[in-house]
Amino acid sequence: MIDVYGIKNCDTVKKARDWLDASGIAYRFHDFKQEGLDAQTAARWIGALGRDVVINKRGTTWRKLSPEQQDLADDAAAAALVSAQPSLVKRPVFDTGGALFVGFGDEQKQALAKT
């Protein structure tokens, strides 16, 4: 089963969930707003995918951070920041148990269809 992480009101997350439902792909949804994001999971994503893939630096949450908060010294600091402010995560995040995907486009659809 695929774990899908995001925010239920996010348009891209809605599209992804609708596509998964229509494709008959089983998944569990984890809403950051309701359930938060633990630092261990954030650290695993950042370690596997890199900070630039996981952290949305174009969103309003990033822009509202102070320059000191935006100065991520290392992956541990990035994981702590993302855990404290999960709205910073690019959405959705798919965890198939064997692979991680961020975003929802043709590449992600093809990969998810194979699971």
N, C-alpha and C. Protein backbone atom coordinates (compact mmCIF):
# COMPACT_ATOMS: atom_id res chain seq x y z
N MET A 1 0.85 -1.18 0.00
CA MET A 1 0.00 0.00 0.00
C MET A 1 0.89 1.25 0.00
N ILE A 2 0.46 2.24 -0.72
CA ILE A 2 1.21 3.49 -0.84
C ILE A 2 0.78 4.45 0.26
N ASP A 3 1.75 5.12 0.84
CA ASP A 3 1.45 6.20 1.78
C ASP A 3 1.55 7.50 1.01
N VAL A 4 0.51 8.32 1.12
CA VAL A 4 0.46 9.62 0.45
C VAL A 4 0.45 10.69 1.54
N TYR A 5 1.40 11.60 1.47
CA TYR A 5 1.53 12.67 2.45
C TYR A 5 1.21 13.99 1.78
N GLY A 6 0.45 14.82 2.48
CA GLY A 6 0.12 16.13 1.94
C GLY A 6 -0.88 16.86 2.82
N ILE A 7 -1.56 17.79 2.22
CA ILE A 7 -2.59 18.59 2.88
C ILE A 7 -3.86 18.40 2.05
N LYS A 8 -4.95 18.01 2.71
CA LYS A 8 -6.14 17.64 1.96
C LYS A 8 -6.72 18.77 1.11
N ASN A 9 -6.46 20.02 1.47
CA ASN A 9 -6.98 21.14 0.69
C ASN A 9 -6.08 21.55 -0.47
N CYS A 10 -4.93 20.94 -0.60
CA CYS A 10 -4.00 21.26 -1.69
C CYS A 10 -4.55 20.70 -3.00
N ASP A 11 -4.63 21.54 -4.03
CA ASP A 11 -5.19 21.12 -5.32
C ASP A 11 -4.43 19.94 -5.93
N THR A 12 -3.11 19.96 -5.84
CA THR A 12 -2.32 18.87 -6.42
C THR A 12 -2.56 17.57 -5.66
N VAL A 13 -2.68 17.66 -4.35
CA VAL A 13 -2.98 16.46 -3.55
C VAL A 13 -4.36 15.94 -3.91
N LYS A 14 -5.33 16.82 -4.08
CA LYS A 14 -6.68 16.39 -4.48
C LYS A 14 -6.63 15.65 -5.81
N LYS A 15 -5.91 16.21 -6.78
CA LYS A 15 -5.80 15.56 -8.10
C LYS A 15 -5.14 14.19 -7.98
N ALA A 16 -4.10 14.11 -7.17
CA ALA A 16 -3.40 12.84 -7.00
C ALA A 16 -4.31 11.80 -6.36
N ARG A 17 -5.03 12.18 -5.32
CA ARG A 17 -5.93 11.24 -4.65
C ARG A 17 -7.06 10.81 -5.56
N ASP A 18 -7.60 11.74 -6.35
CA ASP A 18 -8.65 11.39 -7.31
C ASP A 18 -8.13 10.39 -8.34
N TRP A 19 -6.89 10.62 -8.82
CA TRP A 19 -6.29 9.73 -9.80
C TRP A 19 -6.05 8.35 -9.20
N LEU A 20 -5.53 8.31 -7.97
CA LEU A 20 -5.31 7.02 -7.30
C LEU A 20 -6.63 6.26 -7.14
N ASP A 21 -7.68 6.96 -6.72
CA ASP A 21 -8.99 6.34 -6.57
C ASP A 21 -9.49 5.79 -7.91
N ALA A 22 -9.41 6.62 -8.96
CA ALA A 22 -9.88 6.21 -10.28
C ALA A 22 -9.07 5.06 -10.85
N SER A 23 -7.79 4.98 -10.46
CA SER A 23 -6.90 3.93 -10.95
C SER A 23 -6.98 2.66 -10.11
N GLY A 24 -7.74 2.72 -9.02
CA GLY A 24 -7.88 1.55 -8.16
C GLY A 24 -6.63 1.21 -7.37
N ILE A 25 -5.82 2.21 -7.10
CA ILE A 25 -4.58 2.01 -6.35
C ILE A 25 -4.84 2.31 -4.88
N ALA A 26 -4.57 1.33 -4.03
CA ALA A 26 -4.80 1.49 -2.59
C ALA A 26 -3.75 2.40 -1.98
N TYR A 27 -4.18 3.26 -1.08
CA TYR A 27 -3.25 4.16 -0.42
C TYR A 27 -3.79 4.58 0.94
N ARG A 28 -2.87 5.03 1.78
CA ARG A 28 -3.22 5.67 3.05
C ARG A 28 -2.84 7.12 2.92
N PHE A 29 -3.71 8.01 3.40
CA PHE A 29 -3.43 9.45 3.31
C PHE A 29 -3.02 9.98 4.68
N HIS A 30 -1.94 10.71 4.70
CA HIS A 30 -1.43 11.34 5.92
C HIS A 30 -1.48 12.86 5.72
N ASP A 31 -2.37 13.51 6.44
CA ASP A 31 -2.55 14.96 6.33
C ASP A 31 -1.62 15.67 7.31
N PHE A 32 -0.67 16.44 6.76
CA PHE A 32 0.28 17.17 7.60
C PHE A 32 -0.42 18.09 8.60
N LYS A 33 -1.50 18.73 8.18
CA LYS A 33 -2.20 19.69 9.05
C LYS A 33 -2.82 18.99 10.25
N GLN A 34 -3.31 17.78 10.03
CA GLN A 34 -3.98 17.04 11.10
C GLN A 34 -3.00 16.20 11.92
N GLU A 35 -2.04 15.57 11.25
CA GLU A 35 -1.19 14.58 11.90
C GLU A 35 0.25 15.01 12.10
N GLY A 36 0.63 16.14 11.51
CA GLY A 36 2.01 16.59 11.63
C GLY A 36 2.97 15.74 10.81
N LEU A 37 4.25 15.97 11.02
CA LEU A 37 5.31 15.22 10.33
C LEU A 37 6.46 15.05 11.31
N ASP A 38 6.81 13.81 11.60
CA ASP A 38 7.88 13.60 12.56
C ASP A 38 9.25 13.84 11.90
N ALA A 39 10.21 14.23 12.72
CA ALA A 39 11.54 14.57 12.22
C ALA A 39 12.24 13.38 11.59
N GLN A 40 11.96 12.18 12.07
CA GLN A 40 12.58 10.98 11.51
C GLN A 40 12.15 10.77 10.06
N THR A 41 10.87 10.94 9.78
CA THR A 41 10.37 10.80 8.41
C THR A 41 10.95 11.89 7.52
N ALA A 42 10.94 13.12 8.02
CA ALA A 42 11.51 14.24 7.25
C ALA A 42 12.98 13.99 6.95
N ALA A 43 13.73 13.49 7.92
CA ALA A 43 15.16 13.21 7.72
C ALA A 43 15.35 12.11 6.68
N ARG A 44 14.49 11.10 6.69
CA ARG A 44 14.59 10.01 5.70
C ARG A 44 14.34 10.54 4.30
N TRP A 45 13.32 11.39 4.14
CA TRP A 45 13.03 11.96 2.82
C TRP A 45 14.18 12.83 2.33
N ILE A 46 14.68 13.69 3.21
CA ILE A 46 15.77 14.59 2.82
C ILE A 46 17.03 13.80 2.49
N GLY A 47 17.30 12.75 3.25
CA GLY A 47 18.45 11.91 2.97
C GLY A 47 18.34 11.19 1.64
N ALA A 48 17.14 10.74 1.30
CA ALA A 48 16.93 9.99 0.06
C ALA A 48 16.79 10.89 -1.16
N LEU A 49 16.13 12.03 -1.00
CA LEU A 49 15.80 12.86 -2.16
C LEU A 49 16.57 14.18 -2.24
N GLY A 50 17.07 14.65 -1.10
CA GLY A 50 17.75 15.94 -1.06
C GLY A 50 16.81 17.05 -0.62
N ARG A 51 17.39 18.07 0.00
CA ARG A 51 16.61 19.19 0.51
C ARG A 51 15.84 19.92 -0.59
N ASP A 52 16.48 20.11 -1.75
CA ASP A 52 15.85 20.88 -2.82
C ASP A 52 14.62 20.19 -3.40
N VAL A 53 14.56 18.88 -3.31
CA VAL A 53 13.39 18.14 -3.79
C VAL A 53 12.27 18.19 -2.76
N VAL A 54 12.62 18.10 -1.49
CA VAL A 54 11.62 18.01 -0.43
C VAL A 54 11.05 19.37 -0.03
N ILE A 55 11.90 20.39 0.05
CA ILE A 55 11.47 21.68 0.57
C ILE A 55 11.02 22.60 -0.56
N ASN A 56 9.83 23.14 -0.40
CA ASN A 56 9.26 24.08 -1.38
C ASN A 56 9.73 25.50 -1.02
N LYS A 57 10.70 25.98 -1.76
CA LYS A 57 11.24 27.31 -1.50
C LYS A 57 10.52 28.40 -2.27
N ARG A 58 9.46 28.04 -2.99
CA ARG A 58 8.69 29.05 -3.73
C ARG A 58 7.38 29.40 -3.05
N GLY A 59 7.05 28.69 -1.99
CA GLY A 59 5.77 28.90 -1.32
C GLY A 59 5.80 30.01 -0.29
N THR A 60 4.62 30.37 0.17
CA THR A 60 4.51 31.46 1.15
C THR A 60 5.10 31.07 2.50
N THR A 61 5.03 29.80 2.87
CA THR A 61 5.59 29.39 4.16
C THR A 61 7.09 29.66 4.18
N TRP A 62 7.79 29.34 3.09
CA TRP A 62 9.23 29.60 3.01
C TRP A 62 9.52 31.10 3.06
N ARG A 63 8.75 31.87 2.32
CA ARG A 63 9.00 33.32 2.26
C ARG A 63 8.76 34.00 3.60
N LYS A 64 7.92 33.42 4.43
CA LYS A 64 7.64 33.99 5.74
C LYS A 64 8.73 33.70 6.77
N LEU A 65 9.62 32.78 6.45
CA LEU A 65 10.70 32.44 7.38
C LEU A 65 11.75 33.55 7.41
N SER A 66 12.40 33.68 8.54
CA SER A 66 13.49 34.65 8.65
C SER A 66 14.70 34.12 7.89
N PRO A 67 15.63 35.01 7.50
CA PRO A 67 16.84 34.54 6.83
C PRO A 67 17.61 33.51 7.67
N GLU A 68 17.56 33.66 8.98
CA GLU A 68 18.24 32.70 9.85
C GLU A 68 17.59 31.32 9.75
N GLN A 69 16.26 31.29 9.67
CA GLN A 69 15.56 30.01 9.54
C GLN A 69 15.81 29.38 8.17
N GLN A 70 15.93 30.22 7.15
CA GLN A 70 16.17 29.73 5.80
C GLN A 70 17.60 29.22 5.61
N ASP A 71 18.51 29.60 6.46
CA ASP A 71 19.90 29.19 6.37
C ASP A 71 20.05 27.79 6.97
N LEU A 72 19.83 26.78 6.15
CA LEU A 72 19.86 25.40 6.62
C LEU A 72 21.29 24.89 6.57
N ALA A 73 21.90 24.77 7.74
CA ALA A 73 23.31 24.39 7.84
C ALA A 73 23.55 22.96 7.36
N ASP A 74 22.61 22.08 7.63
CA ASP A 74 22.79 20.68 7.26
C ASP A 74 21.42 20.00 7.15
N ASP A 75 21.45 18.72 6.80
CA ASP A 75 20.20 17.98 6.62
C ASP A 75 19.41 17.86 7.92
N ALA A 76 20.10 17.77 9.05
CA ALA A 76 19.40 17.67 10.33
C ALA A 76 18.61 18.94 10.62
N ALA A 77 19.20 20.09 10.31
CA ALA A 77 18.49 21.36 10.50
C ALA A 77 17.30 21.45 9.55
N ALA A 78 17.47 20.97 8.33
CA ALA A 78 16.37 20.97 7.36
C ALA A 78 15.24 20.07 7.84
N ALA A 79 15.57 18.89 8.34
CA ALA A 79 14.55 17.96 8.83
C ALA A 79 13.80 18.54 10.02
N ALA A 80 14.52 19.20 10.91
CA ALA A 80 13.87 19.82 12.07
C ALA A 80 12.92 20.93 11.63
N LEU A 81 13.33 21.73 10.66
CA LEU A 81 12.49 22.82 10.16
C LEU A 81 11.23 22.27 9.49
N VAL A 82 11.41 21.27 8.66
CA VAL A 82 10.27 20.67 7.96
C VAL A 82 9.32 20.00 8.94
N SER A 83 9.86 19.37 9.96
CA SER A 83 9.02 18.74 10.98
C SER A 83 8.21 19.80 11.73
N ALA A 84 8.84 20.93 12.02
CA ALA A 84 8.15 22.00 12.74
C ALA A 84 7.14 22.72 11.86
N GLN A 85 7.42 22.77 10.54
CA GLN A 85 6.55 23.47 9.60
C GLN A 85 6.32 22.60 8.37
N PRO A 86 5.49 21.56 8.48
CA PRO A 86 5.31 20.62 7.37
C PRO A 86 4.74 21.24 6.10
N SER A 87 4.19 22.45 6.18
CA SER A 87 3.70 23.11 4.96
C SER A 87 4.85 23.44 4.02
N LEU A 88 6.08 23.32 4.48
CA LEU A 88 7.25 23.55 3.63
C LEU A 88 7.50 22.41 2.65
N VAL A 89 6.90 21.25 2.89
CA VAL A 89 7.14 20.09 2.04
C VAL A 89 6.41 20.26 0.71
N LYS A 90 7.13 19.98 -0.38
CA LYS A 90 6.48 19.92 -1.70
C LYS A 90 5.50 18.76 -1.65
N ARG A 91 4.36 18.94 -2.29
CA ARG A 91 3.29 17.95 -2.18
C ARG A 91 2.81 17.49 -3.56
N PRO A 92 2.28 16.28 -3.52
CA PRO A 92 2.28 15.27 -2.47
C PRO A 92 3.59 14.49 -2.45
N VAL A 93 3.80 13.77 -1.35
CA VAL A 93 4.91 12.83 -1.24
C VAL A 93 4.30 11.44 -1.24
N PHE A 94 4.83 10.58 -2.11
CA PHE A 94 4.38 9.20 -2.20
C PHE A 94 5.49 8.29 -1.67
N ASP A 95 5.14 7.40 -0.76
CA ASP A 95 6.08 6.42 -0.25
C ASP A 95 5.50 5.04 -0.56
N THR A 96 6.14 4.35 -1.50
CA THR A 96 5.66 3.03 -1.92
C THR A 96 6.22 1.91 -1.06
N GLY A 97 7.10 2.28 -0.13
CA GLY A 97 7.78 1.26 0.66
C GLY A 97 9.12 0.90 0.05
N GLY A 98 9.26 1.15 -1.24
CA GLY A 98 10.52 0.88 -1.93
C GLY A 98 11.07 2.11 -2.63
N ALA A 99 10.21 3.09 -2.82
CA ALA A 99 10.61 4.31 -3.53
C ALA A 99 9.83 5.49 -2.99
N LEU A 100 10.42 6.67 -3.16
CA LEU A 100 9.77 7.93 -2.78
C LEU A 100 9.61 8.79 -4.02
N PHE A 101 8.47 9.46 -4.13
CA PHE A 101 8.20 10.39 -5.22
C PHE A 101 7.62 11.66 -4.64
N VAL A 102 8.00 12.79 -5.22
CA VAL A 102 7.45 14.08 -4.78
C VAL A 102 6.82 14.74 -5.99
N GLY A 103 5.64 15.29 -5.80
CA GLY A 103 4.93 15.96 -6.89
C GLY A 103 4.00 14.99 -7.59
N PHE A 104 3.24 15.53 -8.55
CA PHE A 104 2.29 14.69 -9.26
C PHE A 104 2.23 15.10 -10.72
N GLY A 105 2.99 14.39 -11.51
CA GLY A 105 3.01 14.61 -12.95
C GLY A 105 3.04 13.26 -13.65
N ASP A 106 3.31 13.29 -14.94
CA ASP A 106 3.31 12.05 -15.73
C ASP A 106 4.33 11.03 -15.21
N GLU A 107 5.51 11.51 -14.82
CA GLU A 107 6.54 10.60 -14.32
C GLU A 107 6.07 9.87 -13.06
N GLN A 108 5.45 10.61 -12.14
CA GLN A 108 4.96 10.00 -10.91
C GLN A 108 3.80 9.04 -11.20
N LYS A 109 2.92 9.42 -12.12
CA LYS A 109 1.80 8.55 -12.47
C LYS A 109 2.30 7.22 -13.02
N GLN A 110 3.29 7.27 -13.91
CA GLN A 110 3.83 6.05 -14.49
C GLN A 110 4.44 5.15 -13.42
N ALA A 111 5.21 5.75 -12.51
CA ALA A 111 5.85 4.99 -11.44
C ALA A 111 4.81 4.39 -10.51
N LEU A 112 3.79 5.17 -10.16
CA LEU A 112 2.76 4.68 -9.24
C LEU A 112 1.91 3.59 -9.88
N ALA A 113 1.68 3.68 -11.18
CA ALA A 113 0.88 2.68 -11.87
C ALA A 113 1.56 1.31 -11.86
N LYS A 114 2.88 1.31 -11.70
CA LYS A 114 3.63 0.06 -11.68
C LYS A 114 3.66 -0.59 -10.30
N THR A 115 3.17 0.10 -9.27
CA THR A 115 3.23 -0.47 -7.92
C THR A 115 2.07 -1.39 -7.64
